[in-house]
PDB file of N, CA and C in Angstrom:
ATOM      1  N   MET A   1     -30.920 -28.692  -6.370  1.00  0.00           N
ATOM      2  CA  MET A   1     -31.107 -27.376  -6.602  1.00  0.00           C
ATOM      3  C   MET A   1     -30.246 -26.646  -5.738  1.00  0.00           C
ATOM      4  N   VAL A   2     -30.118 -25.364  -6.282  1.00  0.00           N
ATOM      5  CA  VAL A   2     -29.481 -24.503  -5.651  1.00  0.00           C
ATOM      6  C   VAL A   2     -30.429 -23.590  -4.966  1.00  0.00           C
ATOM      7  N   ASN A   3     -30.061 -23.285  -3.572  1.00  0.00           N
ATOM      8  CA  ASN A   3     -31.083 -22.332  -3.038  1.00  0.00           C
ATOM      9  C   ASN A   3     -30.670 -20.693  -2.939  1.00  0.00           C
ATOM     10  N   ILE A   4     -31.392 -20.074  -3.497  1.00  0.00           N
ATOM     11  CA  ILE A   4     -31.133 -18.498  -4.065  1.00  0.00           C
ATOM     12  C   ILE A   4     -30.663 -17.896  -2.869  1.00  0.00           C
ATOM     13  N   ASP A   5     -31.155 -18.233  -1.259  1.00  0.00           N
ATOM     14  CA  ASP A   5     -30.934 -17.171  -0.479  1.00  0.00           C
ATOM     15  C   ASP A   5     -29.302 -17.780   0.173  1.00  0.00           C
ATOM     16  N   VAL A   6     -28.955 -18.662  -0.235  1.00  0.00           N
ATOM     17  CA  VAL A   6     -27.570 -19.175   0.037  1.00  0.00           C
ATOM     18  C   VAL A   6     -26.474 -18.583  -0.803  1.00  0.00           C
ATOM     19  N   PHE A   7     -27.145 -18.430  -2.165  1.00  0.00           N
ATOM     20  CA  PHE A   7     -26.321 -17.794  -2.995  1.00  0.00           C
ATOM     21  C   PHE A   7     -26.065 -16.218  -2.905  1.00  0.00           C
ATOM     22  N   ILE A   8     -27.170 -15.894  -2.355  1.00  0.00           N
ATOM     23  CA  ILE A   8     -27.441 -14.398  -1.812  1.00  0.00           C
ATOM     24  C   ILE A   8     -26.254 -14.017  -0.972  1.00  0.00           C
ATOM     25  N   LEU A   9     -26.549 -14.990   0.202  1.00  0.00           N
ATOM     26  CA  LEU A   9     -25.616 -14.724   1.267  1.00  0.00           C
ATOM     27  C   LEU A   9     -23.981 -14.850   1.056  1.00  0.00           C
ATOM     28  N   PHE A  10     -23.740 -15.645   0.108  1.00  0.00           N
ATOM     29  CA  PHE A  10     -22.027 -15.643  -0.413  1.00  0.00           C
ATOM     30  C   PHE A  10     -21.942 -14.693  -1.294  1.00  0.00           C
ATOM     31  N   LEU A  11     -22.751 -14.207  -1.812  1.00  0.00           N
ATOM     32  CA  LEU A  11     -22.605 -13.031  -2.924  1.00  0.00           C
ATOM     33  C   LEU A  11     -22.333 -11.813  -1.907  1.00  0.00           C
ATOM     34  N   ASN A  12     -23.155 -11.493  -0.966  1.00  0.00           N
ATOM     35  CA  ASN A  12     -23.140 -10.310  -0.238  1.00  0.00           C
ATOM     36  C   ASN A  12     -21.716 -10.516   0.777  1.00  0.00           C
ATOM     37  N   ALA A  13     -21.544 -11.502   1.102  1.00  0.00           N
ATOM     38  CA  ALA A  13     -20.315 -11.704   1.747  1.00  0.00           C
ATOM     39  C   ALA A  13     -18.769 -11.126   0.996  1.00  0.00           C
ATOM     40  N   PHE A  14     -18.821 -12.002  -0.254  1.00  0.00           N
ATOM     41  CA  PHE A  14     -17.809 -11.826  -1.060  1.00  0.00           C
ATOM     42  C   PHE A  14     -17.788 -10.267  -1.345  1.00  0.00           C
ATOM     43  N   LEU A  15     -18.714  -9.711  -1.756  1.00  0.00           N
ATOM     44  CA  LEU A  15     -18.887  -8.085  -2.284  1.00  0.00           C
ATOM     45  C   LEU A  15     -18.279  -7.208  -0.908  1.00  0.00           C
ATOM     46  N   THR A  16     -18.899  -7.664   0.252  1.00  0.00           N
ATOM     47  CA  THR A  16     -18.395  -6.879   1.310  1.00  0.00           C
ATOM     48  C   THR A  16     -17.024  -7.036   1.414  1.00  0.00           C
ATOM     49  N   THR A  17     -16.709  -8.235   1.524  1.00  0.00           N
ATOM     50  CA  THR A  17     -15.004  -8.352   1.592  1.00  0.00           C
ATOM     51  C   THR A  17     -14.300  -7.494   0.545  1.00  0.00           C
ATOM     52  N   LEU A  18     -14.673  -7.853  -0.565  1.00  0.00           N
ATOM     53  CA  LEU A  18     -13.925  -6.727  -1.750  1.00  0.00           C
ATOM     54  C   LEU A  18     -14.056  -5.478  -1.699  1.00  0.00           C
ATOM     55  N   ILE A  19     -15.174  -4.833  -1.242  1.00  0.00           N
ATOM     56  CA  ILE A  19     -15.284  -3.422  -1.087  1.00  0.00           C
ATOM     57  C   ILE A  19     -14.346  -2.801  -0.011  1.00  0.00           C
ATOM     58  N   SER A  20     -14.288  -3.684   1.228  1.00  0.00           N
ATOM     59  CA  SER A  20     -13.859  -3.092   2.223  1.00  0.00           C
ATOM     60  C   SER A  20     -12.352  -3.301   2.023  1.00  0.00           C
ATOM     61  N   SER A  21     -11.852  -4.292   1.287  1.00  0.00           N
ATOM     62  CA  SER A  21     -10.387  -4.439   1.220  1.00  0.00           C
ATOM     63  C   SER A  21      -9.950  -3.112   0.175  1.00  0.00           C
ATOM     64  N   ILE A  22     -10.773  -2.823  -0.947  1.00  0.00           N
ATOM     65  CA  ILE A  22     -10.588  -1.795  -1.738  1.00  0.00           C
ATOM     66  C   ILE A  22     -10.393  -0.398  -0.630  1.00  0.00           C
ATOM     67  N   ILE A  23     -11.413  -0.278  -0.058  1.00  0.00           N
ATOM     68  CA  ILE A  23     -11.241   0.879   0.854  1.00  0.00           C
ATOM     69  C   ILE A  23     -10.344   1.140   1.636  1.00  0.00           C
ATOM     70  N   VAL A  24      -9.728  -0.202   2.458  1.00  0.00           N
ATOM     71  CA  VAL A  24      -8.436   0.031   3.234  1.00  0.00           C
ATOM     72  C   VAL A  24      -7.243   0.134   2.600  1.00  0.00           C
ATOM     73  N   VAL A  25      -7.146  -0.119   1.226  1.00  0.00           N
ATOM     74  CA  VAL A  25      -6.231  -0.060   0.362  1.00  0.00           C
ATOM     75  C   VAL A  25      -5.978   1.520  -0.092  1.00  0.00           C
ATOM     76  N   ILE A  26      -7.372   2.049  -0.358  1.00  0.00           N
ATOM     77  CA  ILE A  26      -7.209   3.364  -0.837  1.00  0.00           C
ATOM     78  C   ILE A  26      -6.857   4.346   0.454  1.00  0.00           C
ATOM     79  N   ILE A  27      -7.203   3.946   1.748  1.00  0.00           N
ATOM     80  CA  ILE A  27      -6.903   4.852   2.758  1.00  0.00           C
ATOM     81  C   ILE A  27      -5.370   4.809   2.929  1.00  0.00           C
ATOM     82  N   LEU A  28      -4.982   3.487   3.093  1.00  0.00           N
ATOM     83  CA  LEU A  28      -3.379   3.489   3.294  1.00  0.00           C
ATOM     84  C   LEU A  28      -2.456   4.168   2.411  1.00  0.00           C
ATOM     85  N   ARG A  29      -2.961   4.061   1.186  1.00  0.00           N
ATOM     86  CA  ARG A  29      -2.323   4.681  -0.009  1.00  0.00           C
ATOM     87  C   ARG A  29      -2.220   6.193   0.373  1.00  0.00           C
ATOM     88  N   ARG A  30      -3.054   6.926   0.675  1.00  0.00           N
ATOM     89  CA  ARG A  30      -3.491   8.387   0.927  1.00  0.00           C
ATOM     90  C   ARG A  30      -2.631   8.680   1.985  1.00  0.00           C
ATOM     91  N   LYS A  31      -2.468   7.829   3.036  1.00  0.00           N
ATOM     92  CA  LYS A  31      -2.198   8.081   4.530  1.00  0.00           C
ATOM     93  C   LYS A  31      -0.541   7.676   4.250  1.00  0.00           C
ATOM     94  N   TYR A  32       0.229   6.842   3.498  1.00  0.00           N
ATOM     95  CA  TYR A  32       1.519   6.376   3.556  1.00  0.00           C
ATOM     96  C   TYR A  32       2.306   6.751   2.410  1.00  0.00           C
ATOM     97  N   LEU A  33       1.530   7.074   1.313  1.00  0.00           N
ATOM     98  CA  LEU A  33       2.299   7.223   0.092  1.00  0.00           C
ATOM     99  C   LEU A  33       3.272   8.459   0.138  1.00  0.00           C
ATOM    100  N   PRO A  34       2.889   9.483   0.828  1.00  0.00           N
ATOM    101  CA  PRO A  34       3.787  10.761   0.912  1.00  0.00           C
ATOM    102  C   PRO A  34       5.082  10.559   1.619  1.00  0.00           C
ATOM    103  N   ALA A  35       4.853   9.568   2.856  1.00  0.00           N
ATOM    104  CA  ALA A  35       6.273   9.204   3.605  1.00  0.00           C
ATOM    105  C   ALA A  35       6.749   8.297   2.733  1.00  0.00           C
ATOM    106  N   ILE A  36       6.263   7.289   1.942  1.00  0.00           N
ATOM    107  CA  ILE A  36       7.023   6.267   0.866  1.00  0.00           C
ATOM    108  C   ILE A  36       7.892   7.101   0.035  1.00  0.00           C
ATOM    109  N   ARG A  37       7.350   7.987  -0.827  1.00  0.00           N
ATOM    110  CA  ARG A  37       8.246   8.939  -1.599  1.00  0.00           C
ATOM    111  C   ARG A  37       9.104   9.695  -0.952  1.00  0.00           C
ATOM    112  N   LYS A  38       8.861  10.128   0.308  1.00  0.00           N
ATOM    113  CA  LYS A  38       9.995  11.097   0.943  1.00  0.00           C
ATOM    114  C   LYS A  38      10.982   9.799   1.169  1.00  0.00           C
ATOM    115  N   MET A  39      10.997   8.862   1.403  1.00  0.00           N
ATOM    116  CA  MET A  39      12.038   7.981   2.035  1.00  0.00           C
ATOM    117  C   MET A  39      12.451   7.619   0.398  1.00  0.00           C
ATOM    118  N   GLU A  40      12.135   7.290  -0.422  1.00  0.00           N
ATOM    119  CA  GLU A  40      12.591   7.189  -1.752  1.00  0.00           C
ATOM    120  C   GLU A  40      13.260   8.246  -2.149  1.00  0.00           C
ATOM    121  N   GLN A  41      13.156   9.404  -1.796  1.00  0.00           N
ATOM    122  CA  GLN A  41      13.963  10.488  -2.191  1.00  0.00           C
ATOM    123  C   GLN A  41      15.076  10.548  -1.306  1.00  0.00           C
ATOM    124  N   GLU A  42      14.944  10.537  -0.129  1.00  0.00           N
ATOM    125  CA  GLU A  42      16.092  10.600   0.495  1.00  0.00           C
ATOM    126  C   GLU A  42      17.297   9.303   0.194  1.00  0.00           C
ATOM    127  N   GLN A  43      16.397   8.382  -0.209  1.00  0.00           N
ATOM    128  CA  GLN A  43      17.374   7.125  -0.804  1.00  0.00           C
ATOM    129  C   GLN A  43      18.183   7.508  -1.721  1.00  0.00           C
ATOM    130  N   GLU A  44      17.381   8.022  -2.496  1.00  0.00           N
ATOM    131  CA  GLU A  44      17.959   8.375  -4.220  1.00  0.00           C
ATOM    132  C   GLU A  44      18.982   9.406  -3.847  1.00  0.00           C
ATOM    133  N   LYS A  45      18.722  10.412  -2.809  1.00  0.00           N
ATOM    134  CA  LYS A  45      19.937  11.126  -2.747  1.00  0.00           C
ATOM    135  C   LYS A  45      21.278  10.583  -1.862  1.00  0.00           C
ATOM    136  N   SER A  46      21.063   9.806  -1.061  1.00  0.00           N
ATOM    137  CA  SER A  46      22.444   9.079  -0.574  1.00  0.00           C
ATOM    138  C   SER A  46      22.914   8.170  -1.574  1.00  0.00           C
ATOM    139  N   ARG A  47      22.158   7.854  -2.554  1.00  0.00           N
ATOM    140  CA  ARG A  47      23.107   7.004  -3.793  1.00  0.00           C
ATOM    141  C   ARG A  47      23.695   7.927  -4.671  1.00  0.00           C
ATOM    142  N   GLN A  48      23.324   9.220  -4.653  1.00  0.00           N
ATOM    143  CA  GLN A  48      24.210  10.107  -5.521  1.00  0.00           C
ATOM    144  C   GLN A  48      25.285  10.494  -4.886  1.00  0.00           C
ATOM    145  N   GLN A  49      25.421  10.693  -3.465  1.00  0.00           N
ATOM    146  CA  GLN A  49      26.403  11.346  -2.732  1.00  0.00           C
ATOM    147  C   GLN A  49      27.698  10.140  -2.877  1.00  0.00           C
ATOM    148  N   PRO A  50      28.731  10.695  -3.156  1.00  0.00           N
ATOM    149  CA  PRO A  50      30.089   9.806  -2.984  1.00  0.00           C
ATOM    150  C   PRO A  50      30.184   8.905  -1.810  1.00  0.00           C
ATOM    151  N   GLU A  51      30.821   8.074  -1.776  1.00  0.00           N
ATOM    152  CA  GLU A  51      30.959   7.096  -0.831  1.00  0.00           C
ATOM    153  C   GLU A  51      31.873   7.916   0.686  1.00  0.00           C
ATOM    154  N   SER A  52      32.512   8.635   0.381  1.00  0.00           N
ATOM    155  CA  SER A  52      33.298   9.202   1.361  1.00  0.00           C
ATOM    156  C   SER A  52      32.508  10.472   1.918  1.00  0.00           C
ATOM    157  N   GLU A  53      31.627  10.872   1.281  1.00  0.00           N
ATOM    158  CA  GLU A  53      30.489  11.862   1.983  1.00  0.00           C
ATOM    159  C   GLU A  53      29.632  11.055   3.009  1.00  0.00           C
ATOM    160  N   ARG A  54      29.030   9.787   2.554  1.00  0.00           N
ATOM    161  CA  ARG A  54      28.149   9.046   3.168  1.00  0.00           C
ATOM    162  C   ARG A  54      29.053   8.588   4.427  1.00  0.00           C
ATOM    163  N   SER A  55      30.175   8.072   4.327  1.00  0.00           N
ATOM    164  CA  SER A  55      30.882   7.251   5.828  1.00  0.00           C
ATOM    165  C   SER A  55      31.431   8.522   6.697  1.00  0.00           C
ATOM    166  N   GLY A  56      31.508   9.705   6.219  1.00  0.00           N
ATOM    167  CA  GLY A  56      31.845  10.732   7.186  1.00  0.00           C
ATOM    168  C   GLY A  56      33.434  10.937   7.084  1.00  0.00           C
ATOM    169  N   THR A  57      34.114  10.247   6.113  1.00  0.00           N
ATOM    170  CA  THR A  57      35.654  10.225   5.876  1.00  0.00           C
ATOM    171  C   THR A  57      35.973  10.791   4.644  1.00  0.00           C
ATOM    172  N   GLN A  58      36.918  11.437   4.771  1.00  0.00           N
ATOM    173  CA  GLN A  58      37.698  12.067   3.467  1.00  0.00           C
ATOM    174  C   GLN A  58      38.999  11.411   3.111  1.00  0.00           C
TER     175      GLN A  58
END
């Protein structure tokens, strides 16, 4: 027989872990997504510049 209290305990632990992981991902995305987009834009700009402009030689 399965003890219902043990099942509830493991279900509670699983749901707590799942919910806290989702919350952490949401917080990190809100905090770091603007910085990631800014770095991607700077990287895209540097790709569009000719090689001579990037190295400083002409």
